[in-house]
Amino acid sequence: MVDYTEPICQQIDSSLAQILTFDTSGIELYVTENNPKTLNALIRKLKVYYKDIPDVDPYKMAYGLMPSQAASCPDAKQQYINGHFCYADKFAILTNGLGIIRHISFLDDDFKTAHPEMTIEKKSDSPDEDKSIGDATSLKPVLSDFFFLHPDFHPDTFLGDSSFDTIKTYGMLLNDFHFSKALIPYNLRNESNLKKVGYNEYGYPTCPGDPSLAMKYCGITHENGRADRVKWICPKVHMVKGKYVCDCKNPCSTATKGRTTYTYENLNFRMFPGIQRDSEEWNSLYKIRTIVERAIDHLKINMCVAGRKSRNHTTTKADVFLAGIASQLTVIVAHSMNCPQYIRSLKPLIA
């Protein structure tokens, strides 16, 4: 049905139909672990036990101590959705700029088996960090499945949140899936508070205090789980008896070997992702990204997928996929009635 509704979307607004947005969410299952009393009781105990240690965050600690999956349903994985802990069936969703669903994938055991190349990260102490890792990790296999099913689709613009702000993601979007624009805000966790380095005409990073000085090349850094990076160090650093010494009178870093920075193969696409960052065009286009969140709410609330008294994984998948099919039928009916304004609104069509 996606192949059938795609020409309709292109006819309604071809520019919005060329946009692809991605997000993940979950359907909370009817399990004991989703009872708020279970987590709140653990948090209260931790608060009492660590009341004299202010550096301990009882909420993060409780997240780490809770089981990774529900005892009665292994498909109910621990997640952090919309600001709260829950045990849910996680799924990924792709929509176009019109808010029409293009693809849904449940990130279950079958999905992981079909994509053995996808690394499964160990749960950290930070729910926000786990959410970011999960979204970024699932993006490539979900896009691969989508383009395998629809080889004639050629969206040119990707919209994602800051969790996708990695060099590996930019390279994958540009080289593997041929997006010409990728609107992804900078992730503050990836940004340094130090003064930014510049770049000369050869693409070498330059000293933040003196742009005429190119930084020193210091080889290629290979790290597990990260893209290879070229390392550059302060131009006023040299070795004395096997130790780094910085001769800069006004160093921009407190490190003994001076300022260090890195460049990447796809650094240009991150800095200039097909559209000028923070421009009016960027801000106007990026506002469209929230359409995927509204599509998720439509599935959960209007299609009554959320709040079910069920814990069965197969039933959950069937309910979500049927809701997705209903959304495609809405597009077809609205188009047949010459009411494109109702392509995401089933109720006005029935009334």
Protein backbone atom coordinates (compact mmCIF):
# COMPACT_ATOMS: atom_id res chain seq x y z
CA MET A 1 0.00 0.00 0.00
CA VAL A 2 2.96 2.31 0.50
CA ASP A 3 3.79 1.94 -3.19
CA TYR A 4 0.19 2.80 -4.02
CA THR A 5 0.03 5.92 -1.81
CA GLU A 6 3.43 7.29 -2.85
CA PRO A 7 2.18 8.78 -6.19
CA ILE A 8 -0.70 10.36 -4.27
CA CYS A 9 1.74 12.01 -1.84
CA GLN A 10 3.88 13.21 -4.75
CA GLN A 11 0.80 14.71 -6.40
CA ILE A 12 -0.31 16.51 -3.22
CA ASP A 13 3.11 18.06 -2.44
CA SER A 14 6.21 16.67 -4.13
CA SER A 15 8.63 18.67 -1.96
CA LEU A 16 7.19 17.29 1.29
CA ALA A 17 6.96 13.81 -0.21
CA GLN A 18 10.73 13.93 -0.81
CA ILE A 19 11.41 14.36 2.91
CA LEU A 20 11.99 11.35 5.17
CA THR A 21 11.76 11.57 8.96
CA PHE A 22 12.72 8.88 11.48
CA ASP A 23 11.90 8.22 15.11
CA THR A 24 11.50 5.37 17.56
CA SER A 25 8.86 4.76 20.18
CA GLY A 26 7.30 1.90 22.09
CA ILE A 27 3.95 0.37 22.98
CA GLU A 28 3.76 -0.11 26.74
CA LEU A 29 2.69 -3.64 27.61
CA TYR A 30 0.49 -4.85 30.45
CA VAL A 31 3.23 -6.12 32.77
CA THR A 32 3.95 -5.73 36.49
CA GLU A 33 7.08 -3.70 35.86
CA ASN A 34 4.97 -0.92 34.28
CA ASN A 35 3.17 -0.37 37.59
CA PRO A 36 4.57 2.98 38.87
CA LYS A 37 4.64 1.59 42.41
CA THR A 38 7.41 -0.85 41.45
CA LEU A 39 9.87 1.85 40.38
CA ASN A 40 8.80 4.42 42.97
CA ALA A 41 9.38 1.96 45.80
CA LEU A 42 12.92 1.33 44.55
CA ILE A 43 13.62 5.06 44.19
CA ARG A 44 12.41 5.74 47.74
CA LYS A 45 14.72 3.06 49.12
CA LEU A 46 17.69 4.49 47.23
CA LYS A 47 16.93 8.03 48.39
CA VAL A 48 16.93 6.90 52.01
CA TYR A 49 20.08 4.81 51.63
CA TYR A 50 22.08 7.52 49.82
CA LYS A 51 20.62 10.58 51.55
CA ASP A 52 24.08 11.63 52.81
CA ILE A 53 25.73 11.29 49.38
CA PRO A 54 24.44 14.16 47.20
CA ASP A 55 26.41 13.05 44.13
CA VAL A 56 24.31 9.90 43.76
CA ASP A 57 21.33 10.24 41.40
CA PRO A 58 18.72 7.75 42.68
CA TYR A 59 16.74 7.93 39.44
CA LYS A 60 19.67 6.90 37.24
CA MET A 61 20.66 4.26 39.76
CA ALA A 62 17.13 2.86 39.78
CA TYR A 63 17.21 2.71 36.00
CA GLY A 64 20.41 0.66 36.17
CA LEU A 65 19.02 -1.71 38.81
CA MET A 66 15.71 -2.44 37.08
CA PRO A 67 15.70 -5.56 34.87
CA SER A 68 16.29 -5.06 31.13
CA GLN A 69 13.07 -6.90 30.26
CA ALA A 70 9.81 -7.83 31.95
CA ALA A 71 9.73 -11.20 33.69
CA SER A 72 6.42 -12.24 32.11
CA CYS A 73 7.22 -10.97 28.60
CA PRO A 74 10.80 -10.87 27.25
CA ASP A 75 9.66 -8.61 24.39
CA ALA A 76 8.82 -5.86 26.89
CA LYS A 77 12.19 -4.10 27.04
CA GLN A 78 13.09 -1.36 29.48
CA GLN A 79 12.92 2.03 27.78
CA TYR A 80 12.82 5.73 28.51
CA ILE A 81 9.91 7.20 26.51
CA ASN A 82 8.44 10.69 26.82
CA GLY A 83 10.31 11.37 30.04
CA HIS A 84 9.43 8.22 31.97
CA PHE A 85 10.59 4.63 32.42
CA CYS A 86 8.50 1.85 30.97
CA TYR A 87 8.60 -1.66 29.55
CA ALA A 88 7.51 -1.59 25.95
CA ASP A 89 7.65 -3.17 22.52
CA LYS A 90 10.01 -0.86 20.65
CA PHE A 91 9.45 0.07 17.03
CA ALA A 92 10.94 2.45 14.46
CA ILE A 93 8.86 4.53 12.07
CA LEU A 94 9.56 6.46 8.88
CA THR A 95 7.19 9.14 7.59
CA ASN A 96 7.41 11.64 4.78
CA GLY A 97 7.04 15.40 5.22
CA LEU A 98 3.26 15.07 4.88
CA GLY A 99 3.16 12.86 7.97
CA ILE A 100 2.20 9.76 5.99
CA ILE A 101 3.76 6.54 7.30
CA ARG A 102 6.26 4.99 4.90
CA HIS A 103 7.67 2.17 7.01
CA ILE A 104 7.34 0.52 10.44
CA SER A 105 9.86 -1.93 11.92
CA PHE A 106 9.66 -3.59 15.31
CA LEU A 107 13.13 -3.74 16.85
CA ASP A 108 12.58 -7.24 18.19
CA ASP A 109 14.59 -10.46 18.09
CA ASP A 110 13.54 -11.17 14.49
CA PHE A 111 14.83 -7.75 13.45
CA LYS A 112 18.15 -8.29 15.25
CA THR A 113 18.51 -11.72 13.66
CA ALA A 114 17.93 -10.22 10.21
CA HIS A 115 20.58 -7.57 10.91
CA PRO A 116 23.47 -9.26 12.75
CA GLU A 117 25.71 -6.32 11.84
CA MET A 118 23.75 -4.11 14.23
CA THR A 119 25.68 -3.73 17.48
CA ILE A 120 23.60 -4.13 20.63
CA GLU A 121 24.92 -1.73 23.24
CA LYS A 122 25.08 -2.65 26.90
CA LYS A 123 22.67 -0.67 29.07
CA SER A 124 24.39 2.37 30.58
CA ASP A 125 23.48 4.32 33.70
CA SER A 126 21.87 7.06 31.60
CA PRO A 127 18.43 6.48 30.04
CA ASP A 128 18.87 9.48 27.72
CA GLU A 129 22.18 8.11 26.45
CA ASP A 130 20.69 4.65 25.89
CA LYS A 131 17.84 6.21 23.88
CA SER A 132 20.34 8.07 21.68
CA ILE A 133 22.44 4.96 21.12
CA GLY A 134 19.37 2.92 20.25
CA ASP A 135 18.05 5.40 17.70
CA ALA A 136 21.39 5.88 15.96
CA THR A 137 22.09 2.13 15.87
CA SER A 138 18.73 1.20 14.37
CA LEU A 139 18.72 3.86 11.63
CA LYS A 140 20.84 2.08 9.02
CA PRO A 141 19.09 -1.33 9.13
CA VAL A 142 15.66 0.34 9.06
CA LEU A 143 16.61 2.46 6.04
CA SER A 144 18.14 -0.61 4.36
CA ASP A 145 14.87 -2.53 4.75
CA PHE A 146 12.86 0.44 3.51
CA PHE A 147 14.88 0.96 0.32
CA PHE A 148 15.00 -2.79 -0.32
CA LEU A 149 11.20 -2.88 -0.30
CA HIS A 150 10.88 0.35 -2.31
CA PRO A 151 13.87 0.60 -4.67
CA ASP A 152 12.14 3.26 -6.79
CA PHE A 153 11.81 5.70 -3.88
CA HIS A 154 14.41 8.49 -3.89
CA PRO A 155 13.85 10.92 -1.00
CA ASP A 156 16.49 13.64 -0.96
CA THR A 157 16.12 15.14 2.54
CA PHE A 158 16.50 13.43 5.92
CA LEU A 159 15.25 14.99 9.15
CA GLY A 160 16.42 13.61 12.48
CA ASP A 161 17.06 14.75 16.03
CA SER A 162 20.45 15.33 17.64
CA SER A 163 20.89 11.65 18.56
CA PHE A 164 21.94 11.08 14.92
CA ASP A 165 24.74 13.65 15.11
CA THR A 166 27.62 11.26 14.44
CA ILE A 167 30.15 11.23 11.61
CA LYS A 168 29.21 7.64 10.77
CA THR A 169 25.56 8.65 10.32
CA TYR A 170 26.37 11.54 7.98
CA GLY A 171 28.56 9.29 5.83
CA MET A 172 25.88 6.62 5.72
CA LEU A 173 23.13 9.06 4.71
CA LEU A 174 25.29 10.64 2.00
CA ASN A 175 27.10 7.63 0.54
CA ASP A 176 24.83 4.64 1.22
CA PHE A 177 21.38 6.19 0.81
CA HIS A 178 22.23 9.22 -1.34
CA PHE A 179 20.48 11.94 0.63
CA SER A 180 21.53 15.39 -0.55
CA LYS A 181 20.37 17.12 2.66
CA ALA A 182 20.51 15.92 6.27
CA LEU A 183 19.01 18.27 8.83
CA ILE A 184 20.37 17.05 12.17
CA PRO A 185 21.06 19.53 15.00
CA TYR A 186 24.44 19.40 16.70
CA ASN A 187 24.46 17.18 19.77
CA LEU A 188 25.82 19.21 22.69
CA ARG A 189 27.53 16.08 24.04
CA ASN A 190 29.69 16.12 20.90
CA GLU A 191 30.60 19.79 21.21
CA SER A 192 33.51 21.23 23.17
CA ASN A 193 33.25 24.35 25.33
CA LEU A 194 36.64 25.47 24.04
CA LYS A 195 37.03 28.10 21.35
CA LYS A 196 36.37 26.54 17.95
CA VAL A 197 39.22 25.86 15.55
CA GLY A 198 39.19 27.25 12.03
CA TYR A 199 40.23 25.69 8.71
CA ASN A 200 42.61 26.91 6.03
CA GLU A 201 42.32 26.57 2.25
CA TYR A 202 43.69 23.01 2.40
CA GLY A 203 41.14 21.86 4.97
CA TYR A 204 43.68 21.72 7.80
CA PRO A 205 42.45 22.92 11.21
CA THR A 206 44.06 26.15 12.38
CA CYS A 207 44.94 27.54 15.79
CA PRO A 208 41.90 29.20 17.47
CA GLY A 209 44.12 32.07 18.60
CA ASP A 210 46.04 32.53 15.34
CA PRO A 211 44.31 31.37 12.13
CA SER A 212 47.59 31.69 10.21
CA LEU A 213 49.02 28.69 12.10
CA ALA A 214 47.94 25.25 10.88
CA MET A 215 47.75 22.58 13.56
CA LYS A 216 50.21 19.67 13.47
CA TYR A 217 49.18 16.38 11.90
CA CYS A 218 49.45 13.58 14.48
CA GLY A 219 48.31 10.45 12.66
CA ILE A 220 45.04 8.54 12.39
CA THR A 221 43.15 7.43 15.48
CA HIS A 222 41.42 4.02 15.41
CA GLU A 223 38.87 3.46 18.18
CA ASN A 224 36.39 0.64 18.63
CA GLY A 225 32.86 1.71 17.76
CA ARG A 226 33.91 5.04 16.22
CA ALA A 227 34.82 6.23 12.75
CA ASP A 228 38.55 6.65 12.08
CA ARG A 229 39.71 10.18 12.85
CA VAL A 230 42.71 12.29 11.87
CA LYS A 231 44.35 13.76 14.97
CA TRP A 232 45.76 17.30 15.05
CA ILE A 233 47.64 18.95 17.92
CA CYS A 234 48.67 22.49 18.85
CA PRO A 235 51.22 24.00 16.42
CA LYS A 236 53.28 25.30 19.35
CA VAL A 237 53.77 21.91 20.97
CA HIS A 238 57.03 19.96 20.72
CA MET A 239 58.67 17.03 22.47
CA VAL A 240 61.27 17.54 25.20
CA LYS A 241 62.80 14.36 26.65
CA GLY A 242 59.80 12.31 25.59
CA LYS A 243 57.21 14.72 26.96
CA TYR A 244 54.95 17.23 25.25
CA VAL A 245 55.73 20.88 25.96
CA CYS A 246 53.50 23.76 24.84
CA ASP A 247 55.21 27.11 24.24
CA CYS A 248 51.97 29.06 23.74
CA LYS A 249 51.73 32.11 26.02
CA ASN A 250 47.93 32.09 25.87
CA PRO A 251 46.96 28.39 25.60
CA CYS A 252 43.34 27.67 24.67
CA SER A 253 43.42 24.34 26.51
CA THR A 254 44.59 23.27 29.96
CA ALA A 255 45.99 19.99 28.59
CA THR A 256 49.76 19.61 28.95
CA LYS A 257 50.13 18.86 25.25
CA GLY A 258 47.95 21.79 24.22
CA ARG A 259 44.82 21.82 22.12
CA THR A 260 43.84 18.63 20.27
CA THR A 261 41.20 18.35 17.57
CA TYR A 262 40.08 15.76 15.03
CA THR A 263 38.87 15.75 11.45
CA TYR A 264 36.74 13.10 9.75
CA GLU A 265 36.12 11.84 6.26
CA ASN A 266 32.56 13.23 6.23
CA LEU A 267 33.25 16.35 8.30
CA ASN A 268 32.21 18.67 5.45
CA PHE A 269 28.77 17.11 5.16
CA ARG A 270 28.25 17.52 8.92
CA MET A 271 29.24 21.19 8.79
CA PHE A 272 27.45 21.88 5.50
CA PRO A 273 24.66 19.26 5.23
CA GLY A 274 23.22 20.50 1.95
CA ILE A 275 21.68 23.56 3.57
CA GLN A 276 23.13 26.35 5.72
CA ARG A 277 22.72 25.62 9.41
CA ASP A 278 20.60 28.06 11.45
CA SER A 279 19.39 29.82 8.30
CA GLU A 280 15.70 30.69 7.84
CA GLU A 281 15.44 27.85 5.32
CA TRP A 282 16.96 25.40 7.83
CA ASN A 283 14.65 26.49 10.66
CA SER A 284 11.57 26.40 8.44
CA LEU A 285 12.38 22.96 7.04
CA TYR A 286 13.41 21.42 10.35
CA LYS A 287 10.06 22.30 11.94
CA ILE A 288 8.58 19.58 9.73
CA ARG A 289 10.43 16.91 11.76
CA THR A 290 7.77 16.98 14.48
CA ILE A 291 5.35 15.44 11.96
CA VAL A 292 6.79 12.00 12.79
CA GLU A 293 6.00 12.51 16.48
CA ARG A 294 2.43 13.47 15.60
CA ALA A 295 2.18 10.34 13.44
CA ILE A 296 3.23 8.24 16.45
CA ASP A 297 0.64 9.96 18.66
CA HIS A 298 -1.97 9.32 15.96
CA LEU A 299 -1.15 5.60 16.03
CA LYS A 300 -1.21 5.38 19.81
CA ILE A 301 -4.17 7.61 20.65
CA ASN A 302 -6.48 7.95 17.66
CA MET A 303 -5.91 4.38 16.50
CA CYS A 304 -6.17 3.13 20.13
CA VAL A 305 -2.92 1.14 19.97
CA ALA A 306 -1.75 2.41 23.37
CA GLY A 307 -3.42 1.54 26.66
CA ARG A 308 -4.34 -2.02 25.70
CA LYS A 309 -4.60 -4.74 28.34
CA SER A 310 -2.27 -7.04 26.43
CA ARG A 311 1.28 -8.25 26.75
CA ASN A 312 1.46 -10.46 23.67
CA HIS A 313 4.15 -9.40 21.22
CA THR A 314 2.42 -10.80 18.12
CA THR A 315 -0.85 -9.07 19.01
CA THR A 316 0.98 -5.78 19.52
CA LYS A 317 2.68 -6.02 16.14
CA ALA A 318 -0.61 -6.86 14.44
CA ASP A 319 -2.37 -3.88 16.06
CA VAL A 320 0.37 -1.45 15.00
CA PHE A 321 0.57 -2.77 11.44
CA LEU A 322 -3.23 -2.68 11.08
CA ALA A 323 -3.18 0.93 12.30
CA GLY A 324 -0.52 1.67 9.68
CA ILE A 325 -2.68 0.05 6.98
CA ALA A 326 -5.65 2.17 8.12
CA SER A 327 -3.52 5.30 7.71
CA GLN A 328 -2.76 4.30 4.11
CA LEU A 329 -6.46 3.70 3.43
CA THR A 330 -7.19 7.18 4.79
CA VAL A 331 -4.85 8.66 2.18
CA ILE A 332 -6.54 6.68 -0.60
CA VAL A 333 -10.07 7.63 0.49
CA ALA A 334 -9.18 11.32 0.97
CA HIS A 335 -7.59 11.42 -2.48
CA SER A 336 -10.59 9.71 -4.09
CA MET A 337 -12.92 12.26 -2.48
CA ASN A 338 -10.66 15.13 -3.59
CA CYS A 339 -10.04 16.10 0.04
CA PRO A 340 -6.22 16.17 0.40
CA GLN A 341 -6.52 18.17 3.62
CA TYR A 342 -7.88 15.02 5.30
CA ILE A 343 -5.13 12.55 4.36
CA ARG A 344 -4.23 12.17 8.05
CA SER A 345 -7.74 12.63 9.47
CA LEU A 346 -10.09 9.69 9.27
CA LYS A 347 -12.90 11.17 11.37
CA PRO A 348 -13.86 14.07 9.01
CA LEU A 349 -14.05 11.63 6.11
CA ILE A 350 -16.52 9.42 7.97
CA ALA A 351 -18.64 12.30 9.30
